[in-house]
Amino acid sequence: MIICVPVTPAGEIDPRWGRAARVAVVEVRDGTLVRWEEHDVGWDQLHDVGSEGGHHARVARFLQAHLVEVVVAHHMGEPMAQMLGKMGIDVRLGAVGDAGRAVHLASAGRDR
């Protein structure tokens, strides 16, 4: 299972999914975290550049390029959640605290 989560420099959940500066792409297999890669996405600076649809497309391209299956976040707007749902990406909201723990909880019993 490949999960994407917005992260702070301290390894906590960044509460701003669509405005996150950095995200982690995490692969979980058989209950074990096998890959954790952090990416500077700059969505915080790019969010208001161009149209809302353009920003959503930017996020979608990133998720597709990294084969993301699940997004774990604290909050996101309804249009973003709808777009991810149409892409077949499972959205898990309400995450707070340690990003690694949030990923572990999201993958419990669901990894491949």
PDB file of N, CA and C in Angstrom:
ATOM      1  N   MET A   1       0.844  -1.164   0.000  1.00  0.00           N
ATOM      2  CA  MET A   1       0.000   0.000   0.000  1.00  0.00           C
ATOM      3  C   MET A   1       0.898   1.238   0.000  1.00  0.00           C
ATOM      4  N   ILE A   2       0.548   2.212  -0.825  1.00  0.00           N
ATOM      5  CA  ILE A   2       1.308   3.453  -0.881  1.00  0.00           C
ATOM      6  C   ILE A   2       0.432   4.584  -0.347  1.00  0.00           C
ATOM      7  N   ILE A   3       0.955   5.252   0.673  1.00  0.00           N
ATOM      8  CA  ILE A   3       0.232   6.285   1.399  1.00  0.00           C
ATOM      9  C   ILE A   3       0.974   7.608   1.255  1.00  0.00           C
ATOM     10  N   CYS A   4       0.221   8.692   1.118  1.00  0.00           N
ATOM     11  CA  CYS A   4       0.809  10.026   1.104  1.00  0.00           C
ATOM     12  C   CYS A   4       0.263  10.790   2.300  1.00  0.00           C
ATOM     13  N   VAL A   5       1.166  11.475   2.999  1.00  0.00           N
ATOM     14  CA  VAL A   5       0.792  12.210   4.203  1.00  0.00           C
ATOM     15  C   VAL A   5       1.554  13.538   4.232  1.00  0.00           C
ATOM     16  N   PRO A   6       0.883  14.646   4.563  1.00  0.00           N
ATOM     17  CA  PRO A   6       1.588  15.929   4.687  1.00  0.00           C
ATOM     18  C   PRO A   6       2.368  15.954   6.002  1.00  0.00           C
ATOM     19  N   VAL A   7       3.626  16.380   5.946  1.00  0.00           N
ATOM     20  CA  VAL A   7       4.468  16.332   7.133  1.00  0.00           C
ATOM     21  C   VAL A   7       5.140  17.674   7.417  1.00  0.00           C
ATOM     22  N   THR A   8       5.405  17.889   8.703  1.00  0.00           N
ATOM     23  CA  THR A   8       6.179  19.046   9.132  1.00  0.00           C
ATOM     24  C   THR A   8       7.639  18.619   9.266  1.00  0.00           C
ATOM     25  N   PRO A   9       8.566  19.572   9.400  1.00  0.00           N
ATOM     26  CA  PRO A   9       9.970  19.206   9.609  1.00  0.00           C
ATOM     27  C   PRO A   9      10.190  18.355  10.871  1.00  0.00           C
ATOM     28  N   ALA A  10       9.275  18.455  11.833  1.00  0.00           N
ATOM     29  CA  ALA A  10       9.397  17.685  13.075  1.00  0.00           C
ATOM     30  C   ALA A  10       8.773  16.297  12.970  1.00  0.00           C
ATOM     31  N   GLY A  11       8.257  15.920  11.782  1.00  0.00           N
ATOM     32  CA  GLY A  11       7.671  14.594  11.599  1.00  0.00           C
ATOM     33  C   GLY A  11       6.234  14.469  12.045  1.00  0.00           C
ATOM     34  N   GLU A  12       5.580  15.605  12.244  1.00  0.00           N
ATOM     35  CA  GLU A  12       4.173  15.613  12.636  1.00  0.00           C
ATOM     36  C   GLU A  12       3.293  15.774  11.398  1.00  0.00           C
ATOM     37  N   ILE A  13       2.007  15.484  11.544  1.00  0.00           N
ATOM     38  CA  ILE A  13       1.035  15.725  10.475  1.00  0.00           C
ATOM     39  C   ILE A  13       0.921  17.231  10.261  1.00  0.00           C
ATOM     40  N   ASP A  14       1.130  17.674   9.038  1.00  0.00           N
ATOM     41  CA  ASP A  14       0.860  19.074   8.701  1.00  0.00           C
ATOM     42  C   ASP A  14      -0.645  19.163   8.487  1.00  0.00           C
ATOM     43  N   PRO A  15      -1.351  20.022   9.220  1.00  0.00           N
ATOM     44  CA  PRO A  15      -2.808  20.052   9.086  1.00  0.00           C
ATOM     45  C   PRO A  15      -3.295  20.611   7.757  1.00  0.00           C
ATOM     46  N   ARG A  16      -2.394  21.121   6.919  1.00  0.00           N
ATOM     47  CA  ARG A  16      -2.798  21.791   5.677  1.00  0.00           C
ATOM     48  C   ARG A  16      -2.518  20.904   4.459  1.00  0.00           C
ATOM     49  N   TRP A  17      -3.352  19.948   4.152  1.00  0.00           N
ATOM     50  CA  TRP A  17      -3.096  19.056   3.021  1.00  0.00           C
ATOM     51  C   TRP A  17      -2.837  19.827   1.729  1.00  0.00           C
ATOM     52  N   GLY A  18      -3.768  20.635   1.289  1.00  0.00           N
ATOM     53  CA  GLY A  18      -3.633  21.339   0.018  1.00  0.00           C
ATOM     54  C   GLY A  18      -2.634  22.482   0.041  1.00  0.00           C
ATOM     55  N   ARG A  19      -2.189  22.836   1.228  1.00  0.00           N
ATOM     56  CA  ARG A  19      -1.198  23.903   1.386  1.00  0.00           C
ATOM     57  C   ARG A  19       0.075  23.385   2.062  1.00  0.00           C
ATOM     58  N   ALA A  20       0.268  22.089   2.012  1.00  0.00           N
ATOM     59  CA  ALA A  20       1.466  21.499   2.629  1.00  0.00           C
ATOM     60  C   ALA A  20       2.714  21.903   1.841  1.00  0.00           C
ATOM     61  N   ALA A  21       3.782  22.137   2.560  1.00  0.00           N
ATOM     62  CA  ALA A  21       5.069  22.419   1.922  1.00  0.00           C
ATOM     63  C   ALA A  21       5.788  21.116   1.579  1.00  0.00           C
ATOM     64  N   ARG A  22       5.505  20.072   2.374  1.00  0.00           N
ATOM     65  CA  ARG A  22       6.232  18.810   2.249  1.00  0.00           C
ATOM     66  C   ARG A  22       5.270  17.649   2.505  1.00  0.00           C
ATOM     67  N   VAL A  23       5.449  16.586   1.741  1.00  0.00           N
ATOM     68  CA  VAL A  23       4.671  15.363   1.969  1.00  0.00           C
ATOM     69  C   VAL A  23       5.618  14.168   1.998  1.00  0.00           C
ATOM     70  N   ALA A  24       5.170  13.120   2.663  1.00  0.00           N
ATOM     71  CA  ALA A  24       5.896  11.850   2.644  1.00  0.00           C
ATOM     72  C   ALA A  24       5.076  10.859   1.830  1.00  0.00           C
ATOM     73  N   VAL A  25       5.771  10.097   1.004  1.00  0.00           N
ATOM     74  CA  VAL A  25       5.172   8.977   0.285  1.00  0.00           C
ATOM     75  C   VAL A  25       5.737   7.731   0.957  1.00  0.00           C
ATOM     76  N   VAL A  26       4.826   6.921   1.474  1.00  0.00           N
ATOM     77  CA  VAL A  26       5.211   5.803   2.324  1.00  0.00           C
ATOM     78  C   VAL A  26       4.668   4.501   1.748  1.00  0.00           C
ATOM     79  N   GLU A  27       5.522   3.482   1.699  1.00  0.00           N
ATOM     80  CA  GLU A  27       5.065   2.164   1.281  1.00  0.00           C
ATOM     81  C   GLU A  27       5.043   1.254   2.489  1.00  0.00           C
ATOM     82  N   VAL A  28       3.902   0.587   2.683  1.00  0.00           N
ATOM     83  CA  VAL A  28       3.729  -0.356   3.785  1.00  0.00           C
ATOM     84  C   VAL A  28       3.426  -1.715   3.176  1.00  0.00           C
ATOM     85  N   ARG A  29       4.173  -2.723   3.619  1.00  0.00           N
ATOM     86  CA  ARG A  29       3.971  -4.086   3.118  1.00  0.00           C
ATOM     87  C   ARG A  29       3.983  -5.045   4.303  1.00  0.00           C
ATOM     88  N   ASP A  30       2.967  -5.867   4.395  1.00  0.00           N
ATOM     89  CA  ASP A  30       2.853  -6.846   5.482  1.00  0.00           C
ATOM     90  C   ASP A  30       3.014  -6.197   6.853  1.00  0.00           C
ATOM     91  N   GLY A  31       2.416  -5.028   7.013  1.00  0.00           N
ATOM     92  CA  GLY A  31       2.450  -4.341   8.284  1.00  0.00           C
ATOM     93  C   GLY A  31       3.750  -3.627   8.601  1.00  0.00           C
ATOM     94  N   THR A  32       4.683  -3.646   7.652  1.00  0.00           N
ATOM     95  CA  THR A  32       5.992  -3.040   7.871  1.00  0.00           C
ATOM     96  C   THR A  32       6.202  -1.880   6.924  1.00  0.00           C
ATOM     97  N   LEU A  33       6.683  -0.783   7.465  1.00  0.00           N
ATOM     98  CA  LEU A  33       7.025   0.371   6.647  1.00  0.00           C
ATOM     99  C   LEU A  33       8.312   0.025   5.891  1.00  0.00           C
ATOM    100  N   VAL A  34       8.234  -0.026   4.558  1.00  0.00           N
ATOM    101  CA  VAL A  34       9.416  -0.413   3.769  1.00  0.00           C
ATOM    102  C   VAL A  34      10.049   0.760   3.029  1.00  0.00           C
ATOM    103  N   ARG A  35       9.307   1.875   2.914  1.00  0.00           N
ATOM    104  CA  ARG A  35       9.882   3.046   2.233  1.00  0.00           C
ATOM    105  C   ARG A  35       9.202   4.300   2.759  1.00  0.00           C
ATOM    106  N   TRP A  36      10.011   5.305   3.063  1.00  0.00           N
ATOM    107  CA  TRP A  36       9.512   6.616   3.509  1.00  0.00           C
ATOM    108  C   TRP A  36      10.328   7.649   2.750  1.00  0.00           C
ATOM    109  N   GLU A  37       9.699   8.330   1.806  1.00  0.00           N
ATOM    110  CA  GLU A  37      10.383   9.360   1.012  1.00  0.00           C
ATOM    111  C   GLU A  37       9.655  10.681   1.201  1.00  0.00           C
ATOM    112  N   GLU A  38      10.399  11.713   1.580  1.00  0.00           N
ATOM    113  CA  GLU A  38       9.792  13.031   1.736  1.00  0.00           C
ATOM    114  C   GLU A  38      10.092  13.880   0.515  1.00  0.00           C
ATOM    115  N   HIS A  39       9.091  14.660   0.110  1.00  0.00           N
ATOM    116  CA  HIS A  39       9.179  15.503  -1.081  1.00  0.00           C
ATOM    117  C   HIS A  39       8.773  16.924  -0.737  1.00  0.00           C
ATOM    118  N   ASP A  40       9.578  17.877  -1.143  1.00  0.00           N
ATOM    119  CA  ASP A  40       9.209  19.284  -1.027  1.00  0.00           C
ATOM    120  C   ASP A  40       8.285  19.598  -2.200  1.00  0.00           C
ATOM    121  N   VAL A  41       6.987  19.721  -1.926  1.00  0.00           N
ATOM    122  CA  VAL A  41       6.014  19.955  -2.995  1.00  0.00           C
ATOM    123  C   VAL A  41       5.679  21.433  -3.165  1.00  0.00           C
ATOM    124  N   GLY A  42       5.851  22.224  -2.128  1.00  0.00           N
ATOM    125  CA  GLY A  42       5.606  23.660  -2.226  1.00  0.00           C
ATOM    126  C   GLY A  42       4.159  24.045  -2.453  1.00  0.00           C
ATOM    127  N   TRP A  43       3.229  23.179  -2.063  1.00  0.00           N
ATOM    128  CA  TRP A  43       1.816  23.501  -2.278  1.00  0.00           C
ATOM    129  C   TRP A  43       1.397  24.707  -1.455  1.00  0.00           C
ATOM    130  N   ASP A  44       2.132  25.011  -0.397  1.00  0.00           N
ATOM    131  CA  ASP A  44       1.818  26.192   0.406  1.00  0.00           C
ATOM    132  C   ASP A  44       1.985  27.461  -0.426  1.00  0.00           C
ATOM    133  N   GLN A  45       3.030  27.504  -1.240  1.00  0.00           N
ATOM    134  CA  GLN A  45       3.282  28.679  -2.075  1.00  0.00           C
ATOM    135  C   GLN A  45       2.500  28.639  -3.384  1.00  0.00           C
ATOM    136  N   LEU A  46       2.227  27.436  -3.875  1.00  0.00           N
ATOM    137  CA  LEU A  46       1.571  27.289  -5.175  1.00  0.00           C
ATOM    138  C   LEU A  46       0.047  27.288  -5.099  1.00  0.00           C
ATOM    139  N   HIS A  47      -0.508  27.149  -3.901  1.00  0.00           N
ATOM    140  CA  HIS A  47      -1.956  26.999  -3.746  1.00  0.00           C
ATOM    141  C   HIS A  47      -2.748  28.095  -4.448  1.00  0.00           C
ATOM    142  N   ASP A  48      -2.340  29.331  -4.304  1.00  0.00           N
ATOM    143  CA  ASP A  48      -3.107  30.442  -4.865  1.00  0.00           C
ATOM    144  C   ASP A  48      -2.559  30.943  -6.201  1.00  0.00           C
ATOM    145  N   VAL A  49      -1.664  30.167  -6.806  1.00  0.00           N
ATOM    146  CA  VAL A  49      -1.125  30.511  -8.125  1.00  0.00           C
ATOM    147  C   VAL A  49      -2.017  29.840  -9.169  1.00  0.00           C
ATOM    148  N   GLY A  50      -2.692  30.618  -9.971  1.00  0.00           N
ATOM    149  CA  GLY A  50      -3.599  30.053 -10.969  1.00  0.00           C
ATOM    150  C   GLY A  50      -4.937  29.690 -10.352  1.00  0.00           C
ATOM    151  N   SER A  51      -5.643  28.813 -11.024  1.00  0.00           N
ATOM    152  CA  SER A  51      -7.001  28.446 -10.609  1.00  0.00           C
ATOM    153  C   SER A  51      -6.984  27.302  -9.597  1.00  0.00           C
ATOM    154  N   GLU A  52      -8.126  27.138  -8.929  1.00  0.00           N
ATOM    155  CA  GLU A  52      -8.272  26.011  -8.009  1.00  0.00           C
ATOM    156  C   GLU A  52      -8.110  24.696  -8.763  1.00  0.00           C
ATOM    157  N   GLY A  53      -8.696  24.621  -9.953  1.00  0.00           N
ATOM    158  CA  GLY A  53      -8.571  23.415 -10.771  1.00  0.00           C
ATOM    159  C   GLY A  53      -7.124  23.125 -11.141  1.00  0.00           C
ATOM    160  N   GLY A  54      -6.365  24.183 -11.394  1.00  0.00           N
ATOM    161  CA  GLY A  54      -4.948  24.003 -11.715  1.00  0.00           C
ATOM    162  C   GLY A  54      -4.179  23.429 -10.535  1.00  0.00           C
ATOM    163  N   HIS A  55      -4.513  23.908  -9.339  1.00  0.00           N
ATOM    164  CA  HIS A  55      -3.841  23.383  -8.142  1.00  0.00           C
ATOM    165  C   HIS A  55      -4.234  21.928  -7.917  1.00  0.00           C
ATOM    166  N   HIS A  56      -5.502  21.615  -8.077  1.00  0.00           N
ATOM    167  CA  HIS A  56      -5.955  20.233  -7.914  1.00  0.00           C
ATOM    168  C   HIS A  56      -5.255  19.322  -8.922  1.00  0.00           C
ATOM    169  N   ALA A  57      -5.083  19.804 -10.135  1.00  0.00           N
ATOM    170  CA  ALA A  57      -4.388  19.011 -11.159  1.00  0.00           C
ATOM    171  C   ALA A  57      -2.930  18.771 -10.751  1.00  0.00           C
ATOM    172  N   ARG A  58      -2.304  19.771 -10.170  1.00  0.00           N
ATOM    173  CA  ARG A  58      -0.914  19.639  -9.694  1.00  0.00           C
ATOM    174  C   ARG A  58      -0.820  18.532  -8.639  1.00  0.00           C
ATOM    175  N   VAL A  59      -1.746  18.543  -7.687  1.00  0.00           N
ATOM    176  CA  VAL A  59      -1.770  17.523  -6.641  1.00  0.00           C
ATOM    177  C   VAL A  59      -2.039  16.153  -7.263  1.00  0.00           C
ATOM    178  N   ALA A  60      -3.010  16.084  -8.168  1.00  0.00           N
ATOM    179  CA  ALA A  60      -3.361  14.814  -8.811  1.00  0.00           C
ATOM    180  C   ALA A  60      -2.165  14.224  -9.558  1.00  0.00           C
ATOM    181  N   ARG A  61      -1.438  15.060 -10.290  1.00  0.00           N
ATOM    182  CA  ARG A  61      -0.261  14.560 -11.033  1.00  0.00           C
ATOM    183  C   ARG A  61       0.777  13.978 -10.084  1.00  0.00           C
ATOM    184  N   PHE A  62       1.005  14.652  -8.971  1.00  0.00           N
ATOM    185  CA  PHE A  62       1.975  14.146  -7.989  1.00  0.00           C
ATOM    186  C   PHE A  62       1.533  12.776  -7.472  1.00  0.00           C
ATOM    187  N   LEU A  63       0.270  12.666  -7.080  1.00  0.00           N
ATOM    188  CA  LEU A  63      -0.231  11.410  -6.518  1.00  0.00           C
ATOM    189  C   LEU A  63      -0.184  10.282  -7.546  1.00  0.00           C
ATOM    190  N   GLN A  64      -0.543  10.580  -8.783  1.00  0.00           N
ATOM    191  CA  GLN A  64      -0.479   9.567  -9.840  1.00  0.00           C
ATOM    192  C   GLN A  64       0.956   9.136 -10.108  1.00  0.00           C
ATOM    193  N   ALA A  65       1.872  10.091 -10.159  1.00  0.00           N
ATOM    194  CA  ALA A  65       3.273   9.777 -10.433  1.00  0.00           C
ATOM    195  C   ALA A  65       3.876   8.881  -9.352  1.00  0.00           C
ATOM    196  N   HIS A  66       3.354   8.981  -8.130  1.00  0.00           N
ATOM    197  CA  HIS A  66       3.893   8.191  -7.022  1.00  0.00           C
ATOM    198  C   HIS A  66       3.009   6.991  -6.665  1.00  0.00           C
ATOM    199  N   LEU A  67       2.002   6.720  -7.512  1.00  0.00           N
ATOM    200  CA  LEU A  67       1.131   5.551  -7.356  1.00  0.00           C
ATOM    201  C   LEU A  67       0.437   5.495  -5.992  1.00  0.00           C
ATOM    202  N   VAL A  68       0.055   6.659  -5.486  1.00  0.00           N
ATOM    203  CA  VAL A  68      -0.562   6.759  -4.165  1.00  0.00           C
ATOM    204  C   VAL A  68      -1.955   6.135  -4.180  1.00  0.00           C
ATOM    205  N   GLU A  69      -2.221   5.325  -3.147  1.00  0.00           N
ATOM    206  CA  GLU A  69      -3.512   4.663  -2.993  1.00  0.00           C
ATOM    207  C   GLU A  69      -4.349   5.255  -1.867  1.00  0.00           C
ATOM    208  N   VAL A  70      -3.667   5.850  -0.867  1.00  0.00           N
ATOM    209  CA  VAL A  70      -4.343   6.387   0.311  1.00  0.00           C
ATOM    210  C   VAL A  70      -3.707   7.728   0.661  1.00  0.00           C
ATOM    211  N   VAL A  71      -4.536   8.708   0.987  1.00  0.00           N
ATOM    212  CA  VAL A  71      -4.052   9.976   1.524  1.00  0.00           C
ATOM    213  C   VAL A  71      -4.523  10.060   2.966  1.00  0.00           C
ATOM    214  N   VAL A  72      -3.579  10.318   3.864  1.00  0.00           N
ATOM    215  CA  VAL A  72      -3.867  10.504   5.277  1.00  0.00           C
ATOM    216  C   VAL A  72      -3.635  11.980   5.568  1.00  0.00           C
ATOM    217  N   ALA A  73      -4.639  12.669   6.087  1.00  0.00           N
ATOM    218  CA  ALA A  73      -4.519  14.104   6.336  1.00  0.00           C
ATOM    219  C   ALA A  73      -5.397  14.495   7.513  1.00  0.00           C
ATOM    220  N   HIS A  74      -5.154  15.675   8.022  1.00  0.00           N
ATOM    221  CA  HIS A  74      -6.012  16.198   9.083  1.00  0.00           C
ATOM    222  C   HIS A  74      -7.326  16.709   8.487  1.00  0.00           C
ATOM    223  N   HIS A  75      -7.213  17.477   7.411  1.00  0.00           N
ATOM    224  CA  HIS A  75      -8.384  18.122   6.815  1.00  0.00           C
ATOM    225  C   HIS A  75      -8.105  18.386   5.336  1.00  0.00           C
ATOM    226  N   MET A  76      -9.158  18.418   4.547  1.00  0.00           N
ATOM    227  CA  MET A  76      -9.065  18.914   3.165  1.00  0.00           C
ATOM    228  C   MET A  76     -10.449  19.377   2.743  1.00  0.00           C
ATOM    229  N   GLY A  77     -10.469  20.274   1.771  1.00  0.00           N
ATOM    230  CA  GLY A  77     -11.730  20.778   1.266  1.00  0.00           C
ATOM    231  C   GLY A  77     -12.516  19.709   0.523  1.00  0.00           C
ATOM    232  N   GLU A  78     -13.823  19.887   0.487  1.00  0.00           N
ATOM    233  CA  GLU A  78     -14.691  18.914  -0.186  1.00  0.00           C
ATOM    234  C   GLU A  78     -14.340  18.733  -1.660  1.00  0.00           C
ATOM    235  N   PRO A  79     -14.033  19.794  -2.421  1.00  0.00           N
ATOM    236  CA  PRO A  79     -13.666  19.572  -3.831  1.00  0.00           C
ATOM    237  C   PRO A  79     -12.421  18.687  -3.984  1.00  0.00           C
ATOM    238  N   MET A  80     -11.431  18.859  -3.117  1.00  0.00           N
ATOM    239  CA  MET A  80     -10.232  18.016  -3.172  1.00  0.00           C
ATOM    240  C   MET A  80     -10.590  16.573  -2.825  1.00  0.00           C
ATOM    241  N   ALA A  81     -11.382  16.386  -1.776  1.00  0.00           N
ATOM    242  CA  ALA A  81     -11.779  15.035  -1.369  1.00  0.00           C
ATOM    243  C   ALA A  81     -12.550  14.337  -2.486  1.00  0.00           C
ATOM    244  N   GLN A  82     -13.429  15.074  -3.162  1.00  0.00           N
ATOM    245  CA  GLN A  82     -14.185  14.497  -4.275  1.00  0.00           C
ATOM    246  C   GLN A  82     -13.263  14.096  -5.415  1.00  0.00           C
ATOM    247  N   MET A  83     -12.282  14.946  -5.730  1.00  0.00           N
ATOM    248  CA  MET A  83     -11.355  14.633  -6.809  1.00  0.00           C
ATOM    249  C   MET A  83     -10.574  13.359  -6.481  1.00  0.00           C
ATOM    250  N   LEU A  84     -10.078  13.261  -5.255  1.00  0.00           N
ATOM    251  CA  LEU A  84      -9.308  12.074  -4.880  1.00  0.00           C
ATOM    252  C   LEU A  84     -10.179  10.824  -4.942  1.00  0.00           C
ATOM    253  N   GLY A  85     -11.432  10.951  -4.508  1.00  0.00           N
ATOM    254  CA  GLY A  85     -12.355   9.821  -4.598  1.00  0.00           C
ATOM    255  C   GLY A  85     -12.565   9.367  -6.027  1.00  0.00           C
ATOM    256  N   LYS A  86     -12.707  10.320  -6.942  1.00  0.00           N
ATOM    257  CA  LYS A  86     -12.868   9.975  -8.363  1.00  0.00           C
ATOM    258  C   LYS A  86     -11.625   9.308  -8.921  1.00  0.00           C
ATOM    259  N   MET A  87     -10.473   9.620  -8.336  1.00  0.00           N
ATOM    260  CA  MET A  87      -9.214   8.996  -8.755  1.00  0.00           C
ATOM    261  C   MET A  87      -9.043   7.604  -8.148  1.00  0.00           C
ATOM    262  N   GLY A  88      -9.951   7.216  -7.252  1.00  0.00           N
ATOM    263  CA  GLY A  88      -9.839   5.915  -6.601  1.00  0.00           C
ATOM    264  C   GLY A  88      -8.891   5.917  -5.411  1.00  0.00           C
ATOM    265  N   ILE A  89      -8.572   7.102  -4.913  1.00  0.00           N
ATOM    266  CA  ILE A  89      -7.678   7.228  -3.762  1.00  0.00           C
ATOM    267  C   ILE A  89      -8.522   7.312  -2.503  1.00  0.00           C
ATOM    268  N   ASP A  90      -8.223   6.452  -1.553  1.00  0.00           N
ATOM    269  CA  ASP A  90      -8.915   6.435  -0.268  1.00  0.00           C
ATOM    270  C   ASP A  90      -8.413   7.613   0.558  1.00  0.00           C
ATOM    271  N   VAL A  91      -9.319   8.368   1.152  1.00  0.00           N
ATOM    272  CA  VAL A  91      -8.956   9.536   1.955  1.00  0.00           C
ATOM    273  C   VAL A  91      -9.288   9.248   3.412  1.00  0.00           C
ATOM    274  N   ARG A  92      -8.285   9.409   4.280  1.00  0.00           N
ATOM    275  CA  ARG A  92      -8.453   9.229   5.713  1.00  0.00           C
ATOM    276  C   ARG A  92      -8.199  10.556   6.404  1.00  0.00           C
ATOM    277  N   LEU A  93      -9.225  11.191   6.923  1.00  0.00           N
ATOM    278  CA  LEU A  93      -9.100  12.497   7.545  1.00  0.00           C
ATOM    279  C   LEU A  93      -9.106  12.391   9.074  1.00  0.00           C
ATOM    280  N   GLY A  94      -8.684  13.466   9.713  1.00  0.00           N
ATOM    281  CA  GLY A  94      -8.677  13.532  11.167  1.00  0.00           C
ATOM    282  C   GLY A  94      -7.341  13.168  11.789  1.00  0.00           C
ATOM    283  N   ALA A  95      -6.322  12.933  10.969  1.00  0.00           N
ATOM    284  CA  ALA A  95      -5.005  12.550  11.486  1.00  0.00           C
ATOM    285  C   ALA A  95      -4.346  13.735  12.188  1.00  0.00           C
ATOM    286  N   VAL A  96      -3.738  13.466  13.317  1.00  0.00           N
ATOM    287  CA  VAL A  96      -2.994  14.476  14.078  1.00  0.00           C
ATOM    288  C   VAL A  96      -1.769  13.803  14.695  1.00  0.00           C
ATOM    289  N   GLY A  97      -0.803  14.634  15.095  1.00  0.00           N
ATOM    290  CA  GLY A  97       0.353  14.111  15.809  1.00  0.00           C
ATOM    291  C   GLY A  97       1.403  13.510  14.899  1.00  0.00           C
ATOM    292  N   ASP A  98       2.040  12.459  15.378  1.00  0.00           N
ATOM    293  CA  ASP A  98       3.152  11.817  14.683  1.00  0.00           C
ATOM    294  C   ASP A  98       2.712  11.223  13.338  1.00  0.00           C
ATOM    295  N   ALA A  99       3.378  11.627  12.266  1.00  0.00           N
ATOM    296  CA  ALA A  99       2.992  11.171  10.923  1.00  0.00           C
ATOM    297  C   ALA A  99       3.211   9.669  10.751  1.00  0.00           C
ATOM    298  N   GLY A 100       4.288   9.137  11.311  1.00  0.00           N
ATOM    299  CA  GLY A 100       4.542   7.696  11.213  1.00  0.00           C
ATOM    300  C   GLY A 100       3.444   6.882  11.872  1.00  0.00           C
ATOM    301  N   ARG A 101       3.006   7.337  13.012  1.00  0.00           N
ATOM    302  CA  ARG A 101       1.910   6.644  13.706  1.00  0.00           C
ATOM    303  C   ARG A 101       0.616   6.737  12.904  1.00  0.00           C
ATOM    304  N   ALA A 102       0.343   7.879  12.318  1.00  0.00           N
ATOM    305  CA  ALA A 102      -0.862   8.044  11.498  1.00  0.00           C
ATOM    306  C   ALA A 102      -0.838   7.094  10.301  1.00  0.00           C
ATOM    307  N   VAL A 103       0.319   6.945   9.683  1.00  0.00           N
ATOM    308  CA  VAL A 103       0.456   6.015   8.554  1.00  0.00           C
ATOM    309  C   VAL A 103       0.222   4.586   9.025  1.00  0.00           C
ATOM    310  N   HIS A 104       0.814   4.240  10.153  1.00  0.00           N
ATOM    311  CA  HIS A 104       0.635   2.892  10.701  1.00  0.00           C
ATOM    312  C   HIS A 104      -0.847   2.600  10.963  1.00  0.00           C
ATOM    313  N   LEU A 105      -1.545   3.543  11.582  1.00  0.00           N
ATOM    314  CA  LEU A 105      -2.963   3.352  11.869  1.00  0.00           C
ATOM    315  C   LEU A 105      -3.780   3.216  10.583  1.00  0.00           C
ATOM    316  N   ALA A 106      -3.444   4.013   9.575  1.00  0.00           N
ATOM    317  CA  ALA A 106      -4.186   3.966   8.310  1.00  0.00           C
ATOM    318  C   ALA A 106      -3.974   2.654   7.567  1.00  0.00           C
ATOM    319  N   SER A 107      -2.817   2.049   7.755  1.00  0.00           N
ATOM    320  CA  SER A 107      -2.509   0.822   7.005  1.00  0.00           C
ATOM    321  C   SER A 107      -2.876  -0.439   7.743  1.00  0.00           C
ATOM    322  N   ALA A 108      -3.228  -0.351   9.003  1.00  0.00           N
ATOM    323  CA  ALA A 108      -3.515  -1.534   9.822  1.00  0.00           C
ATOM    324  C   ALA A 108      -4.569  -2.405   9.150  1.00  0.00           C
ATOM    325  N   GLY A 109      -4.179  -3.606   8.832  1.00  0.00           N
ATOM    326  CA  GLY A 109      -5.093  -4.584   8.246  1.00  0.00           C
ATOM    327  C   GLY A 109      -5.441  -4.339   6.793  1.00  0.00           C
ATOM    328  N   ARG A 110      -4.799  -3.365   6.141  1.00  0.00           N
ATOM    329  CA  ARG A 110      -5.163  -3.033   4.762  1.00  0.00           C
ATOM    330  C   ARG A 110      -4.018  -3.173   3.795  1.00  0.00           C
ATOM    331  N   ASP A 111      -2.798  -3.407   4.259  1.00  0.00           N
ATOM    332  CA  ASP A 111      -1.664  -3.423   3.328  1.00  0.00           C
ATOM    333  C   ASP A 111      -1.645  -4.711   2.518  1.00  0.00           C
ATOM    334  N   ARG A 112      -0.852  -4.649   1.446  1.00  0.00           N
ATOM    335  CA  ARG A 112      -0.765  -5.795   0.542  1.00  0.00           C
ATOM    336  C   ARG A 112       0.662  -6.260   0.461  1.00  0.00           C
TER     337      ARG A 112
END
